[in-house]
Amino acid sequence: MEAVWRPYGGLMEAVWRLYGGLVEALWRPYGGRIEALWRLYGGRIEALWRLYGGLVEALWRPYGGRIEALWRLYGGRIEAL
């Protein structure tokens, strides 16, 4: 973990200083609900990921960049609908 933290730790801390308050402010009203939903469905989500996560990742590799590029182009229009 230390090897991962060394190059990015300062960046992650800077990002948290900028956006941490916003994250905490958004978490306050919804955090309890999110945690309750996770307690109900988290095990099922993790089980599904164990079964299908490799497939999702394998499909994402060749097409992920294209999907992200299309989202950058058309995502705003889709959200506007």
PDB file of N, CA and C in Angstrom:
ATOM      1  N   MET A   1       0.836  -1.199   0.000  1.00  0.00           N
ATOM      2  CA  MET A   1       0.000   0.000   0.000  1.00  0.00           C
ATOM      3  C   MET A   1       0.875   1.255   0.000  1.00  0.00           C
ATOM      4  N   GLU A   2       1.958   1.175   0.707  1.00  0.00           N
ATOM      5  CA  GLU A   2       2.863   2.328   0.781  1.00  0.00           C
ATOM      6  C   GLU A   2       3.372   2.722  -0.603  1.00  0.00           C
ATOM      7  N   ALA A   3       3.635   1.719  -1.453  1.00  0.00           N
ATOM      8  CA  ALA A   3       4.126   2.000  -2.800  1.00  0.00           C
ATOM      9  C   ALA A   3       3.074   2.743  -3.629  1.00  0.00           C
ATOM     10  N   VAL A   4       1.830   2.447  -3.397  1.00  0.00           N
ATOM     11  CA  VAL A   4       0.749   3.138  -4.110  1.00  0.00           C
ATOM     12  C   VAL A   4       0.560   4.542  -3.550  1.00  0.00           C
ATOM     13  N   TRP A   5       0.666   4.670  -2.242  1.00  0.00           N
ATOM     14  CA  TRP A   5       0.427   5.956  -1.592  1.00  0.00           C
ATOM     15  C   TRP A   5       1.491   6.978  -1.936  1.00  0.00           C
ATOM     16  N   ARG A   6       2.746   6.536  -2.024  1.00  0.00           N
ATOM     17  CA  ARG A   6       3.844   7.488  -2.221  1.00  0.00           C
ATOM     18  C   ARG A   6       3.628   8.428  -3.409  1.00  0.00           C
ATOM     19  N   PRO A   7       3.377   7.921  -4.621  1.00  0.00           N
ATOM     20  CA  PRO A   7       3.247   8.864  -5.747  1.00  0.00           C
ATOM     21  C   PRO A   7       1.941   9.659  -5.753  1.00  0.00           C
ATOM     22  N   TYR A   8       0.866   9.099  -5.170  1.00  0.00           N
ATOM     23  CA  TYR A   8      -0.447   9.736  -5.294  1.00  0.00           C
ATOM     24  C   TYR A   8      -0.995  10.289  -3.992  1.00  0.00           C
ATOM     25  N   GLY A   9      -0.351  10.011  -2.890  1.00  0.00           N
ATOM     26  CA  GLY A   9      -0.873  10.435  -1.594  1.00  0.00           C
ATOM     27  C   GLY A   9      -1.074  11.929  -1.480  1.00  0.00           C
ATOM     28  N   GLY A  10      -0.087  12.697  -1.911  1.00  0.00           N
ATOM     29  CA  GLY A  10      -0.222  14.154  -1.844  1.00  0.00           C
ATOM     30  C   GLY A  10      -1.351  14.662  -2.705  1.00  0.00           C
ATOM     31  N   LEU A  11      -1.493  14.080  -3.877  1.00  0.00           N
ATOM     32  CA  LEU A  11      -2.574  14.474  -4.779  1.00  0.00           C
ATOM     33  C   LEU A  11      -3.928  14.147  -4.156  1.00  0.00           C
ATOM     34  N   MET A  12      -4.044  12.938  -3.581  1.00  0.00           N
ATOM     35  CA  MET A  12      -5.321  12.551  -2.957  1.00  0.00           C
ATOM     36  C   MET A  12      -5.652  13.465  -1.781  1.00  0.00           C
ATOM     37  N   GLU A  13      -4.654  13.831  -1.012  1.00  0.00           N
ATOM     38  CA  GLU A  13      -4.903  14.745   0.110  1.00  0.00           C
ATOM     39  C   GLU A  13      -5.338  16.119  -0.379  1.00  0.00           C
ATOM     40  N   ALA A  14      -4.722  16.590  -1.460  1.00  0.00           N
ATOM     41  CA  ALA A  14      -5.102  17.898  -2.010  1.00  0.00           C
ATOM     42  C   ALA A  14      -6.535  17.873  -2.533  1.00  0.00           C
ATOM     43  N   VAL A  15      -6.892  16.796  -3.218  1.00  0.00           N
ATOM     44  CA  VAL A  15      -8.258  16.667  -3.730  1.00  0.00           C
ATOM     45  C   VAL A  15      -9.247  16.622  -2.568  1.00  0.00           C
ATOM     46  N   TRP A  16      -8.877  15.889  -1.490  1.00  0.00           N
ATOM     47  CA  TRP A  16      -9.777  15.821  -0.331  1.00  0.00           C
ATOM     48  C   TRP A  16      -9.940  17.191   0.313  1.00  0.00           C
ATOM     49  N   ARG A  17      -8.846  17.970   0.380  1.00  0.00           N
ATOM     50  CA  ARG A  17      -8.949  19.314   0.959  1.00  0.00           C
ATOM     51  C   ARG A  17      -9.918  20.171   0.145  1.00  0.00           C
ATOM     52  N   LEU A  18      -9.896  19.989  -1.183  1.00  0.00           N
ATOM     53  CA  LEU A  18     -10.787  20.781  -2.038  1.00  0.00           C
ATOM     54  C   LEU A  18     -12.243  20.311  -1.948  1.00  0.00           C
ATOM     55  N   TYR A  19     -12.448  19.002  -2.004  1.00  0.00           N
ATOM     56  CA  TYR A  19     -13.801  18.467  -2.156  1.00  0.00           C
ATOM     57  C   TYR A  19     -14.325  17.707  -0.949  1.00  0.00           C
ATOM     58  N   GLY A  20     -13.508  17.490   0.061  1.00  0.00           N
ATOM     59  CA  GLY A  20     -13.928  16.706   1.216  1.00  0.00           C
ATOM     60  C   GLY A  20     -15.135  17.276   1.927  1.00  0.00           C
ATOM     61  N   GLY A  21     -15.176  18.585   2.080  1.00  0.00           N
ATOM     62  CA  GLY A  21     -16.320  19.213   2.735  1.00  0.00           C
ATOM     63  C   GLY A  21     -17.608  18.976   1.956  1.00  0.00           C
ATOM     64  N   LEU A  22     -17.525  19.054   0.633  1.00  0.00           N
ATOM     65  CA  LEU A  22     -18.691  18.804  -0.209  1.00  0.00           C
ATOM     66  C   LEU A  22     -19.147  17.350  -0.060  1.00  0.00           C
ATOM     67  N   VAL A  23     -18.195  16.431  -0.084  1.00  0.00           N
ATOM     68  CA  VAL A  23     -18.534  15.009   0.079  1.00  0.00           C
ATOM     69  C   VAL A  23     -19.217  14.788   1.425  1.00  0.00           C
ATOM     70  N   GLU A  24     -18.655  15.355   2.471  1.00  0.00           N
ATOM     71  CA  GLU A  24     -19.245  15.186   3.805  1.00  0.00           C
ATOM     72  C   GLU A  24     -20.626  15.829   3.887  1.00  0.00           C
ATOM     73  N   ALA A  25     -20.797  16.985   3.262  1.00  0.00           N
ATOM     74  CA  ALA A  25     -22.097  17.653   3.281  1.00  0.00           C
ATOM     75  C   ALA A  25     -23.153  16.830   2.540  1.00  0.00           C
ATOM     76  N   LEU A  26     -22.763  16.204   1.442  1.00  0.00           N
ATOM     77  CA  LEU A  26     -23.689  15.353   0.700  1.00  0.00           C
ATOM     78  C   LEU A  26     -23.958  14.049   1.443  1.00  0.00           C
ATOM     79  N   TRP A  27     -22.956  13.578   2.182  1.00  0.00           N
ATOM     80  CA  TRP A  27     -23.106  12.309   2.903  1.00  0.00           C
ATOM     81  C   TRP A  27     -24.081  12.426   4.075  1.00  0.00           C
ATOM     82  N   ARG A  28     -24.069  13.591   4.752  1.00  0.00           N
ATOM     83  CA  ARG A  28     -24.898  13.746   5.962  1.00  0.00           C
ATOM     84  C   ARG A  28     -26.355  13.361   5.736  1.00  0.00           C
ATOM     85  N   PRO A  29     -27.039  13.929   4.742  1.00  0.00           N
ATOM     86  CA  PRO A  29     -28.466  13.585   4.618  1.00  0.00           C
ATOM     87  C   PRO A  29     -28.726  12.184   4.061  1.00  0.00           C
ATOM     88  N   TYR A  30     -27.779  11.637   3.288  1.00  0.00           N
ATOM     89  CA  TYR A  30     -28.050  10.375   2.587  1.00  0.00           C
ATOM     90  C   TYR A  30     -27.213   9.197   3.078  1.00  0.00           C
ATOM     91  N   GLY A  31     -26.215   9.451   3.878  1.00  0.00           N
ATOM     92  CA  GLY A  31     -25.299   8.394   4.304  1.00  0.00           C
ATOM     93  C   GLY A  31     -25.968   7.236   5.007  1.00  0.00           C
ATOM     94  N   GLY A  32     -26.880   7.531   5.901  1.00  0.00           N
ATOM     95  CA  GLY A  32     -27.578   6.465   6.618  1.00  0.00           C
ATOM     96  C   GLY A  32     -28.381   5.581   5.681  1.00  0.00           C
ATOM     97  N   ARG A  33     -29.032   6.204   4.697  1.00  0.00           N
ATOM     98  CA  ARG A  33     -29.821   5.440   3.729  1.00  0.00           C
ATOM     99  C   ARG A  33     -28.927   4.563   2.867  1.00  0.00           C
ATOM    100  N   ILE A  34     -27.802   5.141   2.441  1.00  0.00           N
ATOM    101  CA  ILE A  34     -26.860   4.378   1.615  1.00  0.00           C
ATOM    102  C   ILE A  34     -26.330   3.179   2.400  1.00  0.00           C
ATOM    103  N   GLU A  35     -25.969   3.401   3.663  1.00  0.00           N
ATOM    104  CA  GLU A  35     -25.467   2.299   4.480  1.00  0.00           C
ATOM    105  C   GLU A  35     -26.537   1.236   4.706  1.00  0.00           C
ATOM    106  N   ALA A  36     -27.790   1.653   4.911  1.00  0.00           N
ATOM    107  CA  ALA A  36     -28.878   0.692   5.102  1.00  0.00           C
ATOM    108  C   ALA A  36     -29.090  -0.136   3.836  1.00  0.00           C
ATOM    109  N   LEU A  37     -29.068   0.526   2.684  1.00  0.00           N
ATOM    110  CA  LEU A  37     -29.217  -0.203   1.420  1.00  0.00           C
ATOM    111  C   LEU A  37     -28.061  -1.173   1.204  1.00  0.00           C
ATOM    112  N   TRP A  38     -26.855  -0.731   1.576  1.00  0.00           N
ATOM    113  CA  TRP A  38     -25.697  -1.616   1.415  1.00  0.00           C
ATOM    114  C   TRP A  38     -25.835  -2.844   2.315  1.00  0.00           C
ATOM    115  N   ARG A  39     -26.343  -2.631   3.549  1.00  0.00           N
ATOM    116  CA  ARG A  39     -26.537  -3.780   4.444  1.00  0.00           C
ATOM    117  C   ARG A  39     -27.530  -4.765   3.835  1.00  0.00           C
ATOM    118  N   LEU A  40     -28.572  -4.243   3.166  1.00  0.00           N
ATOM    119  CA  LEU A  40     -29.575  -5.116   2.552  1.00  0.00           C
ATOM    120  C   LEU A  40     -29.066  -5.821   1.295  1.00  0.00           C
ATOM    121  N   TYR A  41     -28.387  -5.052   0.428  1.00  0.00           N
ATOM    122  CA  TYR A  41     -28.070  -5.566  -0.906  1.00  0.00           C
ATOM    123  C   TYR A  41     -26.587  -5.754  -1.184  1.00  0.00           C
ATOM    124  N   GLY A  42     -25.727  -5.316  -0.285  1.00  0.00           N
ATOM    125  CA  GLY A  42     -24.292  -5.362  -0.540  1.00  0.00           C
ATOM    126  C   GLY A  42     -23.768  -6.759  -0.794  1.00  0.00           C
ATOM    127  N   GLY A  43     -24.224  -7.722  -0.026  1.00  0.00           N
ATOM    128  CA  GLY A  43     -23.776  -9.097  -0.226  1.00  0.00           C
ATOM    129  C   GLY A  43     -24.138  -9.622  -1.603  1.00  0.00           C
ATOM    130  N   ARG A  44     -25.347  -9.289  -2.051  1.00  0.00           N
ATOM    131  CA  ARG A  44     -25.791  -9.725  -3.385  1.00  0.00           C
ATOM    132  C   ARG A  44     -24.965  -9.051  -4.479  1.00  0.00           C
ATOM    133  N   ILE A  45     -24.694  -7.770  -4.300  1.00  0.00           N
ATOM    134  CA  ILE A  45     -23.899  -7.033  -5.288  1.00  0.00           C
ATOM    135  C   ILE A  45     -22.501  -7.639  -5.376  1.00  0.00           C
ATOM    136  N   GLU A  46     -21.899  -7.917  -4.229  1.00  0.00           N
ATOM    137  CA  GLU A  46     -20.560  -8.510  -4.227  1.00  0.00           C
ATOM    138  C   GLU A  46     -20.566  -9.901  -4.859  1.00  0.00           C
ATOM    139  N   ALA A  47     -21.599 -10.690  -4.598  1.00  0.00           N
ATOM    140  CA  ALA A  47     -21.691 -12.024  -5.190  1.00  0.00           C
ATOM    141  C   ALA A  47     -21.820 -11.938  -6.713  1.00  0.00           C
ATOM    142  N   LEU A  48     -22.655 -11.003  -7.185  1.00  0.00           N
ATOM    143  CA  LEU A  48     -22.797 -10.815  -8.628  1.00  0.00           C
ATOM    144  C   LEU A  48     -21.484 -10.349  -9.254  1.00  0.00           C
ATOM    145  N   TRP A  49     -20.773  -9.480  -8.557  1.00  0.00           N
ATOM    146  CA  TRP A  49     -19.499  -8.998  -9.085  1.00  0.00           C
ATOM    147  C   TRP A  49     -18.488 -10.140  -9.179  1.00  0.00           C
ATOM    148  N   ARG A  50     -18.493 -11.029  -8.163  1.00  0.00           N
ATOM    149  CA  ARG A  50     -17.589 -12.174  -8.209  1.00  0.00           C
ATOM    150  C   ARG A  50     -17.895 -13.043  -9.425  1.00  0.00           C
ATOM    151  N   LEU A  51     -19.194 -13.203  -9.736  1.00  0.00           N
ATOM    152  CA  LEU A  51     -19.583 -14.031 -10.877  1.00  0.00           C
ATOM    153  C   LEU A  51     -19.295 -13.357 -12.215  1.00  0.00           C
ATOM    154  N   TYR A  52     -19.663 -12.070 -12.328  1.00  0.00           N
ATOM    155  CA  TYR A  52     -19.654 -11.408 -13.637  1.00  0.00           C
ATOM    156  C   TYR A  52     -18.625 -10.286 -13.779  1.00  0.00           C
ATOM    157  N   GLY A  53     -17.916  -9.963 -12.713  1.00  0.00           N
ATOM    158  CA  GLY A  53     -16.974  -8.843 -12.775  1.00  0.00           C
ATOM    159  C   GLY A  53     -15.890  -9.032 -13.814  1.00  0.00           C
ATOM    160  N   GLY A  54     -15.356 -10.239 -13.904  1.00  0.00           N
ATOM    161  CA  GLY A  54     -14.322 -10.505 -14.905  1.00  0.00           C
ATOM    162  C   GLY A  54     -14.836 -10.288 -16.310  1.00  0.00           C
ATOM    163  N   LEU A  55     -16.068 -10.703 -16.555  1.00  0.00           N
ATOM    164  CA  LEU A  55     -16.676 -10.510 -17.871  1.00  0.00           C
ATOM    165  C   LEU A  55     -16.856  -9.023 -18.173  1.00  0.00           C
ATOM    166  N   VAL A  56     -17.344  -8.285 -17.191  1.00  0.00           N
ATOM    167  CA  VAL A  56     -17.527  -6.841 -17.366  1.00  0.00           C
ATOM    168  C   VAL A  56     -16.189  -6.174 -17.681  1.00  0.00           C
ATOM    169  N   GLU A  57     -15.159  -6.522 -16.926  1.00  0.00           N
ATOM    170  CA  GLU A  57     -13.839  -5.929 -17.159  1.00  0.00           C
ATOM    171  C   GLU A  57     -13.277  -6.323 -18.519  1.00  0.00           C
ATOM    172  N   ALA A  58     -13.486  -7.588 -18.927  1.00  0.00           N
ATOM    173  CA  ALA A  58     -13.001  -8.041 -20.232  1.00  0.00           C
ATOM    174  C   ALA A  58     -13.696  -7.293 -21.366  1.00  0.00           C
ATOM    175  N   LEU A  59     -14.996  -7.038 -21.216  1.00  0.00           N
ATOM    176  CA  LEU A  59     -15.720  -6.281 -22.230  1.00  0.00           C
ATOM    177  C   LEU A  59     -15.347  -4.809 -22.231  1.00  0.00           C
ATOM    178  N   TRP A  60     -15.015  -4.278 -21.041  1.00  0.00           N
ATOM    179  CA  TRP A  60     -14.678  -2.858 -20.930  1.00  0.00           C
ATOM    180  C   TRP A  60     -13.350  -2.552 -21.609  1.00  0.00           C
ATOM    181  N   ARG A  61     -12.382  -3.475 -21.509  1.00  0.00           N
ATOM    182  CA  ARG A  61     -11.043  -3.184 -22.036  1.00  0.00           C
ATOM    183  C   ARG A  61     -11.057  -2.709 -23.485  1.00  0.00           C
ATOM    184  N   PRO A  62     -11.655  -3.469 -24.416  1.00  0.00           N
ATOM    185  CA  PRO A  62     -11.589  -2.998 -25.806  1.00  0.00           C
ATOM    186  C   PRO A  62     -12.507  -1.817 -26.124  1.00  0.00           C
ATOM    187  N   TYR A  63     -13.590  -1.658 -25.364  1.00  0.00           N
ATOM    188  CA  TYR A  63     -14.588  -0.652 -25.732  1.00  0.00           C
ATOM    189  C   TYR A  63     -14.696   0.522 -24.762  1.00  0.00           C
ATOM    190  N   GLY A  64     -14.057   0.433 -23.616  1.00  0.00           N
ATOM    191  CA  GLY A  64     -14.210   1.463 -22.595  1.00  0.00           C
ATOM    192  C   GLY A  64     -13.826   2.850 -23.057  1.00  0.00           C
ATOM    193  N   GLY A  65     -12.716   2.961 -23.754  1.00  0.00           N
ATOM    194  CA  GLY A  65     -12.279   4.267 -24.241  1.00  0.00           C
ATOM    195  C   GLY A  65     -13.280   4.881 -25.200  1.00  0.00           C
ATOM    196  N   ARG A  66     -13.842   4.049 -26.068  1.00  0.00           N
ATOM    197  CA  ARG A  66     -14.838   4.533 -27.028  1.00  0.00           C
ATOM    198  C   ARG A  66     -16.104   4.995 -26.311  1.00  0.00           C
ATOM    199  N   ILE A  67     -16.523   4.215 -25.328  1.00  0.00           N
ATOM    200  CA  ILE A  67     -17.729   4.571 -24.568  1.00  0.00           C
ATOM    201  C   ILE A  67     -17.518   5.910 -23.863  1.00  0.00           C
ATOM    202  N   GLU A  68     -16.344   6.073 -23.238  1.00  0.00           N
ATOM    203  CA  GLU A  68     -16.056   7.334 -22.543  1.00  0.00           C
ATOM    204  C   GLU A  68     -16.003   8.499 -23.522  1.00  0.00           C
ATOM    205  N   ALA A  69     -15.429   8.294 -24.707  1.00  0.00           N
ATOM    206  CA  ALA A  69     -15.367   9.362 -25.702  1.00  0.00           C
ATOM    207  C   ALA A  69     -16.771   9.746 -26.175  1.00  0.00           C
ATOM    208  N   LEU A  70     -17.614   8.729 -26.403  1.00  0.00           N
ATOM    209  CA  LEU A  70     -18.993   9.017 -26.805  1.00  0.00           C
ATOM    210  C   LEU A  70     -19.740   9.754 -25.710  1.00  0.00           C
ATOM    211  N   TRP A  71     -19.493   9.364 -24.453  1.00  0.00           N
ATOM    212  CA  TRP A  71     -20.168  10.045 -23.337  1.00  0.00           C
ATOM    213  C   TRP A  71     -19.741  11.504 -23.275  1.00  0.00           C
ATOM    214  N   ARG A  72     -18.443  11.771 -23.508  1.00  0.00           N
ATOM    215  CA  ARG A  72     -17.978  13.163 -23.487  1.00  0.00           C
ATOM    216  C   ARG A  72     -18.686  13.972 -24.570  1.00  0.00           C
ATOM    217  N   LEU A  73     -18.899  13.354 -25.737  1.00  0.00           N
ATOM    218  CA  LEU A  73     -19.554  14.063 -26.836  1.00  0.00           C
ATOM    219  C   LEU A  73     -21.051  14.248 -26.608  1.00  0.00           C
ATOM    220  N   TYR A  74     -21.732  13.176 -26.169  1.00  0.00           N
ATOM    221  CA  TYR A  74     -23.192  13.173 -26.155  1.00  0.00           C
ATOM    222  C   TYR A  74     -23.818  13.103 -24.768  1.00  0.00           C
ATOM    223  N   GLY A  75     -23.015  12.949 -23.740  1.00  0.00           N
ATOM    224  CA  GLY A  75     -23.546  12.774 -22.388  1.00  0.00           C
ATOM    225  C   GLY A  75     -24.422  13.927 -21.929  1.00  0.00           C
ATOM    226  N   GLY A  76     -24.008  15.145 -22.231  1.00  0.00           N
ATOM    227  CA  GLY A  76     -24.804  16.308 -21.833  1.00  0.00           C
ATOM    228  C   GLY A  76     -26.178  16.302 -22.471  1.00  0.00           C
ATOM    229  N   ARG A  77     -26.232  15.909 -23.744  1.00  0.00           N
ATOM    230  CA  ARG A  77     -27.522  15.860 -24.443  1.00  0.00           C
ATOM    231  C   ARG A  77     -28.410  14.768 -23.856  1.00  0.00           C
ATOM    232  N   ILE A  78     -27.809  13.630 -23.541  1.00  0.00           N
ATOM    233  CA  ILE A  78     -28.575  12.520 -22.970  1.00  0.00           C
ATOM    234  C   ILE A  78     -29.149  12.930 -21.616  1.00  0.00           C
ATOM    235  N   GLU A  79     -28.316  13.571 -20.775  1.00  0.00           N
ATOM    236  CA  GLU A  79     -28.791  14.005 -19.467  1.00  0.00           C
ATOM    237  C   GLU A  79     -29.878  15.068 -19.586  1.00  0.00           C
ATOM    238  N   ALA A  80     -29.809  15.902 -20.628  1.00  0.00           N
ATOM    239  CA  ALA A  80     -30.802  16.951 -20.828  1.00  0.00           C
ATOM    240  C   ALA A  80     -32.174  16.366 -21.158  1.00  0.00           C
ATOM    241  N   LEU A  81     -32.169  15.176 -21.756  1.00  0.00           N
ATOM    242  CA  LEU A  81     -33.458  14.536 -22.096  1.00  0.00           C
ATOM    243  C   LEU A  81     -34.139  14.135 -20.825  1.00  0.00           C
TER     244      LEU A  81
END
